[in-house]
Amino acid sequence: MSTPGPHQPNQPSPPNQPLSPLIHLIDDDQAVRESLSLLIGTVGLRVQSWADPQAFIDGFDRASVGAIVLDVRMPGISGLTVLDRLVAQGVDQPVIMLTGHGTVEMCRRAFKAGAAEFLEKPVDDEQLLEALQQAVRQHVRTRERSQADNAAREQVAQLSEREREVLAFIVQGLTNKEIARTLALSPRTVETHRANLFAKLDCDSLAQLIRRYAVLVDSRG
């Protein structure tokens, strides 16, 4: 029985339909890849299987939303080494480690390196599916936060330098009069800057402004 090549997801979505999350499955055992691919596909997740961990590192789609299922013991490069490389490269997909011969030290090292879950083979079907679905939800939230942060940075970049100064003082809790004294401006001028930055940042309240931009402004300082 032939298996899909490393660059062909097992279950492509129909044209013009949103893609379901993609699970990358890395295991040198063909029988394991086939059985787990079928299992994961039963909950509507696409699977891209890889026999060679180096080929996976070199070629997998880092932009995809989903998770990674990674065998610990493989010839050439161990799963723990792959995990270390993914973390070093800033890959944000959650990683679920699988092993047929787990030890406490191996489990400890995996979690310390950033693994989302560590499961022993033969893996319980329900346990793996639950871990994958939780990992996918986690990754979706991570990507949503990242997109929101990027949008916030772009909006702050549209502010004038003076508006950015006023924004920094607002999130610190200063009143218009205090900001005016600090910047040697009139309170009316501060009110104008405040109104402009609220409009540019598309915020309707002070609480919304602080929630979206306080961390970003602090990091700039």
N, C-alpha and C. Protein backbone atom coordinates (compact mmCIF):
# COMPACT_ATOMS: atom_id res chain seq x y z
N MET A 1 0.85 -1.19 0.00
CA MET A 1 0.00 0.00 0.00
C MET A 1 0.88 1.23 0.00
N SER A 2 0.67 2.13 -0.91
CA SER A 2 1.49 3.33 -0.98
C SER A 2 0.94 4.40 -0.06
N THR A 3 1.83 5.24 0.47
CA THR A 3 1.43 6.33 1.35
C THR A 3 1.67 7.64 0.66
N PRO A 4 0.96 8.70 1.06
CA PRO A 4 1.14 9.99 0.43
C PRO A 4 2.57 10.48 0.61
N GLY A 5 3.08 11.19 -0.37
CA GLY A 5 4.41 11.79 -0.26
C GLY A 5 4.39 12.84 0.82
N PRO A 6 5.58 13.26 1.26
CA PRO A 6 5.65 14.16 2.39
C PRO A 6 5.03 15.52 2.15
N HIS A 7 4.80 15.90 0.89
CA HIS A 7 4.24 17.20 0.61
C HIS A 7 2.80 17.13 0.15
N GLN A 8 2.13 15.98 0.36
CA GLN A 8 0.74 15.83 -0.05
C GLN A 8 -0.11 15.47 1.16
N PRO A 9 -0.93 16.40 1.68
CA PRO A 9 -1.83 16.05 2.77
C PRO A 9 -2.74 14.90 2.38
N ASN A 10 -3.05 14.03 3.35
CA ASN A 10 -3.86 12.86 3.06
C ASN A 10 -5.27 13.22 2.63
N GLN A 11 -5.81 14.30 3.23
CA GLN A 11 -7.21 14.60 3.00
C GLN A 11 -7.37 16.06 2.59
N PRO A 12 -7.14 16.39 1.33
CA PRO A 12 -7.29 17.78 0.92
C PRO A 12 -8.73 18.22 1.01
N SER A 13 -8.92 19.50 1.37
CA SER A 13 -10.28 20.03 1.45
C SER A 13 -10.80 20.36 0.07
N PRO A 14 -12.12 20.36 -0.12
CA PRO A 14 -12.70 20.70 -1.42
C PRO A 14 -12.31 22.12 -1.82
N PRO A 15 -12.26 22.40 -3.15
CA PRO A 15 -11.92 23.74 -3.60
C PRO A 15 -12.88 24.77 -3.02
N ASN A 16 -12.33 25.97 -2.76
CA ASN A 16 -13.10 27.11 -2.27
C ASN A 16 -13.69 26.90 -0.87
N GLN A 17 -13.21 25.85 -0.17
CA GLN A 17 -13.65 25.63 1.20
C GLN A 17 -12.49 25.93 2.14
N PRO A 18 -12.77 26.51 3.33
CA PRO A 18 -11.68 26.78 4.28
C PRO A 18 -10.95 25.48 4.63
N LEU A 19 -9.64 25.54 4.71
CA LEU A 19 -8.87 24.35 5.04
C LEU A 19 -9.04 24.01 6.51
N SER A 20 -9.20 22.72 6.79
CA SER A 20 -9.22 22.29 8.18
C SER A 20 -7.79 22.32 8.71
N PRO A 21 -7.63 22.31 10.03
CA PRO A 21 -6.27 22.29 10.58
C PRO A 21 -5.45 21.12 10.04
N LEU A 22 -4.15 21.33 9.94
CA LEU A 22 -3.24 20.33 9.37
C LEU A 22 -2.37 19.74 10.47
N ILE A 23 -2.39 18.44 10.57
CA ILE A 23 -1.56 17.73 11.54
C ILE A 23 -0.36 17.14 10.81
N HIS A 24 0.84 17.49 11.26
CA HIS A 24 2.06 16.90 10.72
C HIS A 24 2.43 15.70 11.57
N LEU A 25 2.55 14.54 10.93
CA LEU A 25 2.82 13.28 11.62
C LEU A 25 4.19 12.77 11.20
N ILE A 26 5.14 12.72 12.15
CA ILE A 26 6.50 12.30 11.83
C ILE A 26 6.82 11.02 12.56
N ASP A 27 6.98 9.93 11.80
CA ASP A 27 7.29 8.62 12.37
C ASP A 27 7.93 7.78 11.28
N ASP A 28 9.00 7.07 11.60
CA ASP A 28 9.69 6.28 10.58
C ASP A 28 8.99 4.96 10.28
N ASP A 29 7.99 4.61 11.07
CA ASP A 29 7.25 3.35 10.90
C ASP A 29 6.04 3.59 9.99
N GLN A 30 6.05 3.01 8.80
CA GLN A 30 4.98 3.22 7.83
C GLN A 30 3.63 2.77 8.37
N ALA A 31 3.58 1.63 9.06
CA ALA A 31 2.31 1.13 9.59
C ALA A 31 1.73 2.12 10.61
N VAL A 32 2.58 2.70 11.41
CA VAL A 32 2.12 3.69 12.40
C VAL A 32 1.58 4.93 11.69
N ARG A 33 2.32 5.38 10.67
CA ARG A 33 1.86 6.56 9.93
C ARG A 33 0.49 6.33 9.30
N GLU A 34 0.29 5.14 8.72
CA GLU A 34 -0.97 4.85 8.05
C GLU A 34 -2.12 4.76 9.06
N SER A 35 -1.90 4.05 10.16
CA SER A 35 -2.99 3.86 11.12
C SER A 35 -3.35 5.17 11.82
N LEU A 36 -2.34 5.95 12.20
CA LEU A 36 -2.62 7.22 12.87
C LEU A 36 -3.22 8.24 11.92
N SER A 37 -2.80 8.22 10.66
CA SER A 37 -3.40 9.13 9.67
C SER A 37 -4.89 8.86 9.52
N LEU A 38 -5.26 7.58 9.45
CA LEU A 38 -6.67 7.23 9.34
C LEU A 38 -7.44 7.67 10.59
N LEU A 39 -6.85 7.44 11.77
CA LEU A 39 -7.50 7.82 13.03
C LEU A 39 -7.73 9.32 13.09
N ILE A 40 -6.69 10.09 12.81
CA ILE A 40 -6.78 11.54 12.92
C ILE A 40 -7.78 12.10 11.92
N GLY A 41 -7.85 11.48 10.74
CA GLY A 41 -8.78 11.92 9.72
C GLY A 41 -10.23 11.76 10.11
N THR A 42 -10.52 10.87 11.10
CA THR A 42 -11.90 10.63 11.49
C THR A 42 -12.53 11.83 12.20
N VAL A 43 -11.70 12.75 12.70
CA VAL A 43 -12.26 13.93 13.37
C VAL A 43 -12.12 15.18 12.50
N GLY A 44 -11.93 14.98 11.19
CA GLY A 44 -11.94 16.09 10.25
C GLY A 44 -10.64 16.85 10.14
N LEU A 45 -9.56 16.30 10.67
CA LEU A 45 -8.26 16.96 10.58
C LEU A 45 -7.48 16.39 9.40
N ARG A 46 -6.84 17.27 8.64
CA ARG A 46 -5.96 16.80 7.57
C ARG A 46 -4.65 16.31 8.16
N VAL A 47 -4.01 15.37 7.47
CA VAL A 47 -2.75 14.80 7.95
C VAL A 47 -1.72 14.85 6.85
N GLN A 48 -0.53 15.31 7.19
CA GLN A 48 0.62 15.24 6.29
C GLN A 48 1.67 14.39 7.00
N SER A 49 1.96 13.21 6.46
CA SER A 49 2.86 12.29 7.13
C SER A 49 4.26 12.38 6.56
N TRP A 50 5.24 12.17 7.45
CA TRP A 50 6.65 12.27 7.08
C TRP A 50 7.39 11.08 7.68
N ALA A 51 8.20 10.41 6.86
CA ALA A 51 9.04 9.32 7.36
C ALA A 51 10.40 9.83 7.81
N ASP A 52 10.84 10.94 7.22
CA ASP A 52 12.18 11.48 7.46
C ASP A 52 12.07 12.79 8.26
N PRO A 53 12.57 12.82 9.49
CA PRO A 53 12.45 14.04 10.29
C PRO A 53 13.18 15.24 9.69
N GLN A 54 14.29 15.01 9.01
CA GLN A 54 15.01 16.13 8.40
C GLN A 54 14.21 16.72 7.25
N ALA A 55 13.57 15.85 6.47
CA ALA A 55 12.72 16.34 5.38
C ALA A 55 11.57 17.17 5.94
N PHE A 56 11.03 16.75 7.08
CA PHE A 56 9.97 17.52 7.73
C PHE A 56 10.48 18.89 8.14
N ILE A 57 11.62 18.95 8.81
CA ILE A 57 12.17 20.22 9.26
C ILE A 57 12.40 21.16 8.08
N ASP A 58 12.89 20.59 6.98
CA ASP A 58 13.22 21.42 5.81
C ASP A 58 11.99 21.86 5.03
N GLY A 59 10.92 21.05 5.06
CA GLY A 59 9.86 21.29 4.10
C GLY A 59 8.46 21.54 4.61
N PHE A 60 8.21 21.46 5.92
CA PHE A 60 6.81 21.58 6.35
C PHE A 60 6.34 23.03 6.33
N ASP A 61 5.04 23.19 6.19
CA ASP A 61 4.42 24.51 6.08
C ASP A 61 4.27 25.14 7.46
N ARG A 62 5.14 26.08 7.77
CA ARG A 62 5.12 26.73 9.08
C ARG A 62 3.92 27.66 9.24
N ALA A 63 3.31 28.05 8.13
CA ALA A 63 2.16 28.95 8.20
C ALA A 63 0.86 28.22 8.51
N SER A 64 0.86 26.90 8.40
CA SER A 64 -0.37 26.15 8.60
C SER A 64 -0.81 26.19 10.05
N VAL A 65 -2.11 26.09 10.25
CA VAL A 65 -2.67 26.02 11.60
C VAL A 65 -2.91 24.55 11.92
N GLY A 66 -2.46 24.12 13.08
CA GLY A 66 -2.63 22.72 13.44
C GLY A 66 -1.69 22.31 14.55
N ALA A 67 -1.11 21.12 14.42
CA ALA A 67 -0.22 20.60 15.45
C ALA A 67 0.75 19.60 14.84
N ILE A 68 1.71 19.17 15.63
CA ILE A 68 2.73 18.23 15.17
C ILE A 68 2.72 17.01 16.09
N VAL A 69 2.67 15.82 15.49
CA VAL A 69 2.79 14.57 16.24
C VAL A 69 4.15 13.98 15.89
N LEU A 70 4.99 13.81 16.89
CA LEU A 70 6.41 13.52 16.65
C LEU A 70 6.86 12.31 17.46
N ASP A 71 7.36 11.29 16.75
CA ASP A 71 7.90 10.10 17.42
C ASP A 71 9.25 10.44 18.04
N VAL A 72 9.51 9.90 19.22
CA VAL A 72 10.77 10.20 19.91
C VAL A 72 11.94 9.44 19.30
N ARG A 73 11.77 8.14 19.08
CA ARG A 73 12.89 7.31 18.63
C ARG A 73 12.82 7.09 17.13
N MET A 74 13.72 7.77 16.41
CA MET A 74 13.82 7.61 14.96
C MET A 74 15.28 7.56 14.57
N PRO A 75 15.60 6.84 13.49
CA PRO A 75 17.00 6.79 13.06
C PRO A 75 17.46 8.15 12.54
N GLY A 76 18.71 8.48 12.80
CA GLY A 76 19.27 9.73 12.29
C GLY A 76 19.10 10.86 13.28
N ILE A 77 17.89 11.38 13.41
CA ILE A 77 17.61 12.50 14.31
C ILE A 77 16.51 12.07 15.28
N SER A 78 16.74 12.20 16.56
CA SER A 78 15.72 11.83 17.52
C SER A 78 14.61 12.87 17.55
N GLY A 79 13.44 12.45 18.02
CA GLY A 79 12.33 13.38 18.12
C GLY A 79 12.62 14.53 19.06
N LEU A 80 13.37 14.29 20.13
CA LEU A 80 13.70 15.36 21.06
C LEU A 80 14.61 16.40 20.41
N THR A 81 15.52 15.94 19.55
CA THR A 81 16.38 16.87 18.81
C THR A 81 15.54 17.70 17.84
N VAL A 82 14.59 17.05 17.18
CA VAL A 82 13.68 17.78 16.27
C VAL A 82 12.92 18.83 17.06
N LEU A 83 12.41 18.47 18.23
CA LEU A 83 11.67 19.41 19.07
C LEU A 83 12.54 20.62 19.42
N ASP A 84 13.78 20.36 19.81
CA ASP A 84 14.70 21.45 20.15
C ASP A 84 14.88 22.39 18.96
N ARG A 85 15.02 21.83 17.75
CA ARG A 85 15.22 22.66 16.56
C ARG A 85 13.98 23.48 16.24
N LEU A 86 12.82 22.88 16.40
CA LEU A 86 11.57 23.61 16.14
C LEU A 86 11.43 24.80 17.08
N VAL A 87 11.73 24.57 18.35
CA VAL A 87 11.64 25.65 19.33
C VAL A 87 12.64 26.75 19.00
N ALA A 88 13.87 26.35 18.63
CA ALA A 88 14.90 27.33 18.30
C ALA A 88 14.52 28.17 17.09
N GLN A 89 13.76 27.57 16.17
CA GLN A 89 13.33 28.28 14.97
C GLN A 89 12.05 29.10 15.18
N GLY A 90 11.50 29.04 16.39
CA GLY A 90 10.30 29.82 16.68
C GLY A 90 9.02 29.23 16.12
N VAL A 91 9.02 27.95 15.81
CA VAL A 91 7.81 27.29 15.30
C VAL A 91 6.76 27.28 16.41
N ASP A 92 5.53 27.70 16.09
CA ASP A 92 4.51 27.84 17.13
C ASP A 92 3.47 26.73 17.15
N GLN A 93 3.53 25.78 16.22
CA GLN A 93 2.58 24.67 16.29
C GLN A 93 2.87 23.81 17.53
N PRO A 94 1.84 23.48 18.33
CA PRO A 94 2.07 22.61 19.49
C PRO A 94 2.57 21.24 19.05
N VAL A 95 3.44 20.63 19.85
CA VAL A 95 4.05 19.35 19.52
C VAL A 95 3.62 18.29 20.53
N ILE A 96 3.09 17.18 20.02
CA ILE A 96 2.74 16.02 20.83
C ILE A 96 3.76 14.94 20.57
N MET A 97 4.46 14.51 21.60
CA MET A 97 5.51 13.49 21.47
C MET A 97 4.93 12.10 21.70
N LEU A 98 5.37 11.13 20.89
CA LEU A 98 4.97 9.73 21.04
C LEU A 98 6.23 8.88 21.23
N THR A 99 6.15 7.87 22.10
CA THR A 99 7.27 6.95 22.26
C THR A 99 6.78 5.59 22.70
N GLY A 100 7.47 4.58 22.23
CA GLY A 100 7.16 3.21 22.65
C GLY A 100 7.94 2.80 23.87
N HIS A 101 8.95 3.58 24.24
CA HIS A 101 9.81 3.22 25.38
C HIS A 101 10.11 4.48 26.19
N GLY A 102 9.09 5.00 26.84
CA GLY A 102 9.25 6.25 27.56
C GLY A 102 9.91 6.07 28.91
N THR A 103 10.63 7.11 29.34
CA THR A 103 11.22 7.14 30.67
C THR A 103 10.81 8.47 31.32
N VAL A 104 10.94 8.52 32.62
CA VAL A 104 10.61 9.75 33.33
C VAL A 104 11.51 10.88 32.85
N GLU A 105 12.79 10.59 32.65
CA GLU A 105 13.72 11.63 32.20
C GLU A 105 13.37 12.12 30.80
N MET A 106 12.99 11.19 29.94
CA MET A 106 12.60 11.56 28.58
C MET A 106 11.36 12.45 28.60
N CYS A 107 10.40 12.08 29.42
CA CYS A 107 9.17 12.87 29.54
C CYS A 107 9.49 14.26 30.09
N ARG A 108 10.31 14.30 31.13
CA ARG A 108 10.70 15.59 31.73
C ARG A 108 11.38 16.48 30.71
N ARG A 109 12.30 15.92 29.94
CA ARG A 109 13.02 16.71 28.95
C ARG A 109 12.08 17.24 27.87
N ALA A 110 11.14 16.41 27.45
CA ALA A 110 10.20 16.83 26.40
C ALA A 110 9.36 18.02 26.86
N PHE A 111 8.82 17.93 28.08
CA PHE A 111 8.00 19.04 28.57
C PHE A 111 8.84 20.28 28.81
N LYS A 112 10.06 20.09 29.29
CA LYS A 112 10.94 21.23 29.53
C LYS A 112 11.27 21.94 28.22
N ALA A 113 11.36 21.16 27.13
CA ALA A 113 11.67 21.74 25.82
C ALA A 113 10.46 22.39 25.16
N GLY A 114 9.26 22.17 25.72
CA GLY A 114 8.09 22.85 25.19
C GLY A 114 7.04 21.96 24.58
N ALA A 115 7.15 20.63 24.75
CA ALA A 115 6.13 19.73 24.21
C ALA A 115 4.78 20.01 24.86
N ALA A 116 3.71 19.90 24.07
CA ALA A 116 2.36 20.10 24.61
C ALA A 116 1.85 18.86 25.32
N GLU A 117 2.30 17.68 24.87
CA GLU A 117 1.85 16.42 25.47
C GLU A 117 2.89 15.34 25.18
N PHE A 118 2.92 14.30 26.02
CA PHE A 118 3.85 13.18 25.87
C PHE A 118 3.05 11.91 26.09
N LEU A 119 2.91 11.11 25.02
CA LEU A 119 2.07 9.91 25.08
C LEU A 119 2.88 8.67 24.73
N GLU A 120 2.55 7.55 25.37
CA GLU A 120 3.25 6.30 25.13
C GLU A 120 2.48 5.44 24.13
N LYS A 121 3.23 4.74 23.26
CA LYS A 121 2.65 3.77 22.35
C LYS A 121 2.48 2.44 23.07
N PRO A 122 1.50 1.61 22.71
CA PRO A 122 0.45 1.96 21.74
C PRO A 122 -0.47 3.03 22.31
N VAL A 123 -0.61 4.10 21.56
CA VAL A 123 -1.34 5.25 22.07
C VAL A 123 -2.84 4.99 22.09
N ASP A 124 -3.49 5.44 23.15
CA ASP A 124 -4.95 5.33 23.24
C ASP A 124 -5.57 6.29 22.24
N ASP A 125 -6.47 5.79 21.40
CA ASP A 125 -7.06 6.61 20.34
C ASP A 125 -7.71 7.88 20.88
N GLU A 126 -8.56 7.72 21.86
CA GLU A 126 -9.29 8.87 22.40
C GLU A 126 -8.35 9.87 23.05
N GLN A 127 -7.33 9.36 23.71
CA GLN A 127 -6.37 10.25 24.36
C GLN A 127 -5.61 11.08 23.34
N LEU A 128 -5.21 10.45 22.24
CA LEU A 128 -4.48 11.18 21.20
C LEU A 128 -5.39 12.20 20.53
N LEU A 129 -6.62 11.81 20.20
CA LEU A 129 -7.53 12.75 19.54
C LEU A 129 -7.86 13.93 20.44
N GLU A 130 -8.05 13.66 21.72
CA GLU A 130 -8.34 14.75 22.66
C GLU A 130 -7.15 15.70 22.75
N ALA A 131 -5.94 15.13 22.81
CA ALA A 131 -4.73 15.96 22.88
C ALA A 131 -4.56 16.79 21.62
N LEU A 132 -4.86 16.20 20.47
CA LEU A 132 -4.74 16.93 19.21
C LEU A 132 -5.74 18.07 19.11
N GLN A 133 -6.99 17.79 19.48
CA GLN A 133 -8.01 18.83 19.39
C GLN A 133 -7.72 19.98 20.35
N GLN A 134 -7.20 19.65 21.52
CA GLN A 134 -6.82 20.70 22.46
C GLN A 134 -5.64 21.50 21.92
N ALA A 135 -4.67 20.80 21.29
CA ALA A 135 -3.51 21.48 20.73
C ALA A 135 -3.91 22.41 19.58
N VAL A 136 -4.85 21.96 18.76
CA VAL A 136 -5.31 22.79 17.64
C VAL A 136 -6.01 24.04 18.17
N ARG A 137 -6.86 23.87 19.17
CA ARG A 137 -7.54 25.04 19.77
C ARG A 137 -6.52 26.02 20.33
N GLN A 138 -5.49 25.49 20.98
CA GLN A 138 -4.42 26.33 21.53
C GLN A 138 -3.72 27.10 20.41
N HIS A 139 -3.44 26.41 19.29
CA HIS A 139 -2.73 27.06 18.20
C HIS A 139 -3.58 28.14 17.54
N VAL A 140 -4.87 27.88 17.40
CA VAL A 140 -5.77 28.90 16.83
C VAL A 140 -5.75 30.14 17.70
N ARG A 141 -5.82 29.97 19.02
CA ARG A 141 -5.77 31.13 19.93
C ARG A 141 -4.45 31.87 19.81
N THR A 142 -3.35 31.12 19.70
CA THR A 142 -2.03 31.74 19.56
C THR A 142 -1.95 32.58 18.30
N ARG A 143 -2.45 32.03 17.18
CA ARG A 143 -2.41 32.77 15.92
C ARG A 143 -3.31 34.00 15.97
N GLU A 144 -4.47 33.88 16.61
CA GLU A 144 -5.38 35.02 16.72
C GLU A 144 -4.74 36.14 17.53
N ARG A 145 -4.07 35.78 18.63
CA ARG A 145 -3.37 36.80 19.42
C ARG A 145 -2.26 37.45 18.62
N SER A 146 -1.54 36.63 17.86
CA SER A 146 -0.44 37.17 17.05
C SER A 146 -0.96 38.14 16.00
N GLN A 147 -2.07 37.79 15.36
CA GLN A 147 -2.66 38.67 14.35
C GLN A 147 -3.14 39.97 14.98
N ALA A 148 -3.74 39.87 16.17
CA ALA A 148 -4.20 41.07 16.86
C ALA A 148 -3.03 41.96 17.25
N ASP A 149 -1.93 41.34 17.70
CA ASP A 149 -0.74 42.12 18.07
C ASP A 149 -0.15 42.83 16.86
N ASN A 150 -0.10 42.12 15.73
CA ASN A 150 0.43 42.73 14.51
C ASN A 150 -0.44 43.90 14.06
N ALA A 151 -1.77 43.72 14.14
CA ALA A 151 -2.68 44.80 13.75
C ALA A 151 -2.49 46.00 14.67
N ALA A 152 -2.29 45.74 15.97
CA ALA A 152 -2.09 46.83 16.92
C ALA A 152 -0.80 47.59 16.60
N ARG A 153 0.26 46.88 16.27
CA ARG A 153 1.52 47.54 15.92
C ARG A 153 1.35 48.43 14.69
N GLU A 154 0.62 47.91 13.71
CA GLU A 154 0.41 48.69 12.49
C GLU A 154 -0.39 49.96 12.79
N GLN A 155 -1.37 49.85 13.68
CA GLN A 155 -2.18 51.03 14.01
C GLN A 155 -1.36 52.06 14.79
N VAL A 156 -0.53 51.59 15.72
CA VAL A 156 0.32 52.51 16.47
C VAL A 156 1.31 53.21 15.55
N ALA A 157 1.78 52.49 14.53
CA ALA A 157 2.73 53.08 13.58
C ALA A 157 2.11 54.23 12.81
N GLN A 158 0.78 54.28 12.72
CA GLN A 158 0.10 55.36 11.99
C GLN A 158 -0.03 56.63 12.83
N LEU A 159 0.26 56.54 14.13
CA LEU A 159 0.16 57.71 15.00
C LEU A 159 1.36 58.63 14.78
N SER A 160 1.15 59.90 15.04
CA SER A 160 2.27 60.84 15.03
C SER A 160 3.11 60.61 16.29
N GLU A 161 4.30 61.14 16.30
CA GLU A 161 5.16 60.97 17.47
C GLU A 161 4.50 61.55 18.72
N ARG A 162 3.87 62.71 18.59
CA ARG A 162 3.19 63.33 19.73
C ARG A 162 2.02 62.47 20.20
N GLU A 163 1.28 61.89 19.26
CA GLU A 163 0.17 61.02 19.64
C GLU A 163 0.67 59.78 20.38
N ARG A 164 1.81 59.26 19.96
CA ARG A 164 2.38 58.10 20.67
C ARG A 164 2.80 58.49 22.09
N GLU A 165 3.30 59.70 22.26
CA GLU A 165 3.66 60.17 23.60
C GLU A 165 2.41 60.27 24.47
N VAL A 166 1.36 60.85 23.91
CA VAL A 166 0.11 60.98 24.66
C VAL A 166 -0.44 59.60 25.01
N LEU A 167 -0.38 58.67 24.07
CA LEU A 167 -0.85 57.31 24.31
C LEU A 167 -0.09 56.67 25.47
N ALA A 168 1.22 56.83 25.49
CA ALA A 168 2.03 56.24 26.56
C ALA A 168 1.61 56.78 27.92
N PHE A 169 1.34 58.08 27.99
CA PHE A 169 0.92 58.67 29.26
C PHE A 169 -0.50 58.25 29.65
N ILE A 170 -1.37 58.08 28.66
CA ILE A 170 -2.74 57.64 28.95
C ILE A 170 -2.73 56.27 29.59
N VAL A 171 -1.97 55.34 29.02
CA VAL A 171 -1.97 53.97 29.56
C VAL A 171 -1.26 53.92 30.92
N GLN A 172 -0.45 54.95 31.23
CA GLN A 172 0.15 55.04 32.57
C GLN A 172 -0.83 55.60 33.60
N GLY A 173 -1.97 56.11 33.12
CA GLY A 173 -2.99 56.59 34.03
C GLY A 173 -3.00 58.08 34.26
N LEU A 174 -2.24 58.86 33.49
CA LEU A 174 -2.21 60.30 33.67
C LEU A 174 -3.47 60.94 33.10
N THR A 175 -3.91 62.01 33.75
CA THR A 175 -5.06 62.76 33.25
C THR A 175 -4.61 63.70 32.14
N ASN A 176 -5.57 64.30 31.43
CA ASN A 176 -5.23 65.25 30.38
C ASN A 176 -4.40 66.41 30.92
N LYS A 177 -4.77 66.91 32.10
CA LYS A 177 -4.03 68.03 32.68
C LYS A 177 -2.60 67.63 33.03
N GLU A 178 -2.44 66.43 33.56
CA GLU A 178 -1.09 65.95 33.90
C GLU A 178 -0.24 65.76 32.66
N ILE A 179 -0.86 65.22 31.60
CA ILE A 179 -0.14 65.04 30.34
C ILE A 179 0.25 66.41 29.77
N ALA A 180 -0.67 67.36 29.85
CA ALA A 180 -0.40 68.71 29.34
C ALA A 180 0.80 69.33 30.05
N ARG A 181 0.83 69.19 31.38
CA ARG A 181 1.96 69.75 32.13
C ARG A 181 3.27 69.05 31.76
N THR A 182 3.22 67.72 31.62
CA THR A 182 4.43 66.96 31.32
C THR A 182 5.00 67.32 29.95
N LEU A 183 4.11 67.52 28.98
CA LEU A 183 4.55 67.80 27.61
C LEU A 183 4.57 69.30 27.29
N ALA A 184 4.27 70.11 28.28
CA ALA A 184 4.23 71.57 28.08
C ALA A 184 3.26 71.95 26.96
N LEU A 185 2.07 71.35 27.02
CA LEU A 185 1.02 71.63 26.05
C LEU A 185 -0.20 72.16 26.78
N SER A 186 -1.13 72.72 26.04
CA SER A 186 -2.39 73.13 26.64
C SER A 186 -3.30 71.91 26.79
N PRO A 187 -4.16 71.89 27.79
CA PRO A 187 -5.10 70.76 27.94
C PRO A 187 -5.95 70.56 26.69
N ARG A 188 -6.31 71.64 26.02
CA ARG A 188 -7.12 71.50 24.81
C ARG A 188 -6.34 70.76 23.71
N THR A 189 -5.04 71.04 23.60
CA THR A 189 -4.22 70.34 22.60
C THR A 189 -4.13 68.85 22.93
N VAL A 190 -3.97 68.55 24.22
CA VAL A 190 -3.93 67.14 24.64
C VAL A 190 -5.25 66.45 24.32
N GLU A 191 -6.36 67.13 24.56
CA GLU A 191 -7.67 66.57 24.24
C GLU A 191 -7.79 66.26 22.75
N THR A 192 -7.24 67.16 21.91
CA THR A 192 -7.28 66.94 20.46
C THR A 192 -6.46 65.71 20.09
N HIS A 193 -5.24 65.61 20.65
CA HIS A 193 -4.39 64.43 20.37
C HIS A 193 -5.08 63.16 20.86
N ARG A 194 -5.70 63.24 22.02
CA ARG A 194 -6.38 62.08 22.59
C ARG A 194 -7.52 61.62 21.68
N ALA A 195 -8.32 62.58 21.21
CA ALA A 195 -9.43 62.24 20.32
C ALA A 195 -8.92 61.63 19.02
N ASN A 196 -7.82 62.18 18.49
CA ASN A 196 -7.27 61.66 17.23
C ASN A 196 -6.76 60.24 17.39
N LEU A 197 -6.05 59.98 18.48
CA LEU A 197 -5.49 58.63 18.62
C LEU A 197 -6.58 57.60 18.92
N PHE A 198 -7.62 57.99 19.64
CA PHE A 198 -8.74 57.07 19.86
C PHE A 198 -9.38 56.71 18.52
N ALA A 199 -9.52 57.71 17.64
CA ALA A 199 -10.12 57.45 16.33
C ALA A 199 -9.21 56.56 15.48
N LYS A 200 -7.91 56.86 15.46
CA LYS A 200 -6.97 56.09 14.63
C LYS A 200 -6.83 54.66 15.13
N LEU A 201 -6.93 54.47 16.44
CA LEU A 201 -6.79 53.13 17.02
C LEU A 201 -8.11 52.40 17.12
N ASP A 202 -9.19 53.05 16.67
CA ASP A 202 -10.52 52.44 16.63
C ASP A 202 -10.93 51.92 18.00
N CYS A 203 -10.76 52.77 19.02
CA CYS A 203 -11.15 52.41 20.38
C CYS A 203 -12.30 53.29 20.84
N ASP A 204 -13.26 52.67 21.51
CA ASP A 204 -14.44 53.40 21.98
C ASP A 204 -14.36 53.75 23.46
N SER A 205 -13.40 53.17 24.18
CA SER A 205 -13.32 53.42 25.61
C SER A 205 -11.87 53.36 26.06
N LEU A 206 -11.63 53.93 27.24
CA LEU A 206 -10.28 53.89 27.82
C LEU A 206 -9.88 52.46 28.15
N ALA A 207 -10.83 51.68 28.65
CA ALA A 207 -10.53 50.28 28.99
C ALA A 207 -10.08 49.50 27.75
N GLN A 208 -10.77 49.72 26.63
CA GLN A 208 -10.41 49.04 25.39
C GLN A 208 -9.02 49.47 24.92
N LEU A 209 -8.73 50.76 25.03
CA LEU A 209 -7.42 51.28 24.64
C LEU A 209 -6.31 50.63 25.46
N ILE A 210 -6.49 50.58 26.76
CA ILE A 210 -5.47 50.00 27.64
C ILE A 210 -5.30 48.51 27.38
N ARG A 211 -6.42 47.80 27.19
CA ARG A 211 -6.36 46.36 26.96
C ARG A 211 -5.58 46.03 25.70
N ARG A 212 -5.77 46.83 24.65
CA ARG A 212 -5.12 46.54 23.37
C ARG A 212 -3.67 47.02 23.30
N TYR A 213 -3.38 48.15 23.95
CA TYR A 213 -2.13 48.83 23.64
C TYR A 213 -1.17 49.02 24.82
N ALA A 214 -1.60 48.72 26.05
CA ALA A 214 -0.73 48.98 27.19
C ALA A 214 0.58 48.20 27.09
N VAL A 215 0.49 46.89 26.80
CA VAL A 215 1.69 46.08 26.71
C VAL A 215 2.58 46.55 25.57
N LEU A 216 1.97 46.89 24.45
CA LEU A 216 2.74 47.32 23.29
C LEU A 216 3.48 48.62 23.59
N VAL A 217 2.80 49.56 24.24
CA VAL A 217 3.44 50.84 24.58
C VAL A 217 4.55 50.62 25.60
N ASP A 218 4.32 49.75 26.60
CA ASP A 218 5.35 49.46 27.59
C ASP A 218 6.58 48.85 26.95
N SER A 219 6.38 47.95 25.97
CA SER A 219 7.50 47.30 25.31
C SER A 219 8.34 48.28 24.50
N ARG A 220 7.70 49.34 24.00
CA ARG A 220 8.43 50.35 23.25
C ARG A 220 9.35 51.13 24.16
N GLY A 221 8.93 51.24 25.43
CA GLY A 221 9.77 52.00 26.35
C GLY A 221 10.96 51.18 26.80
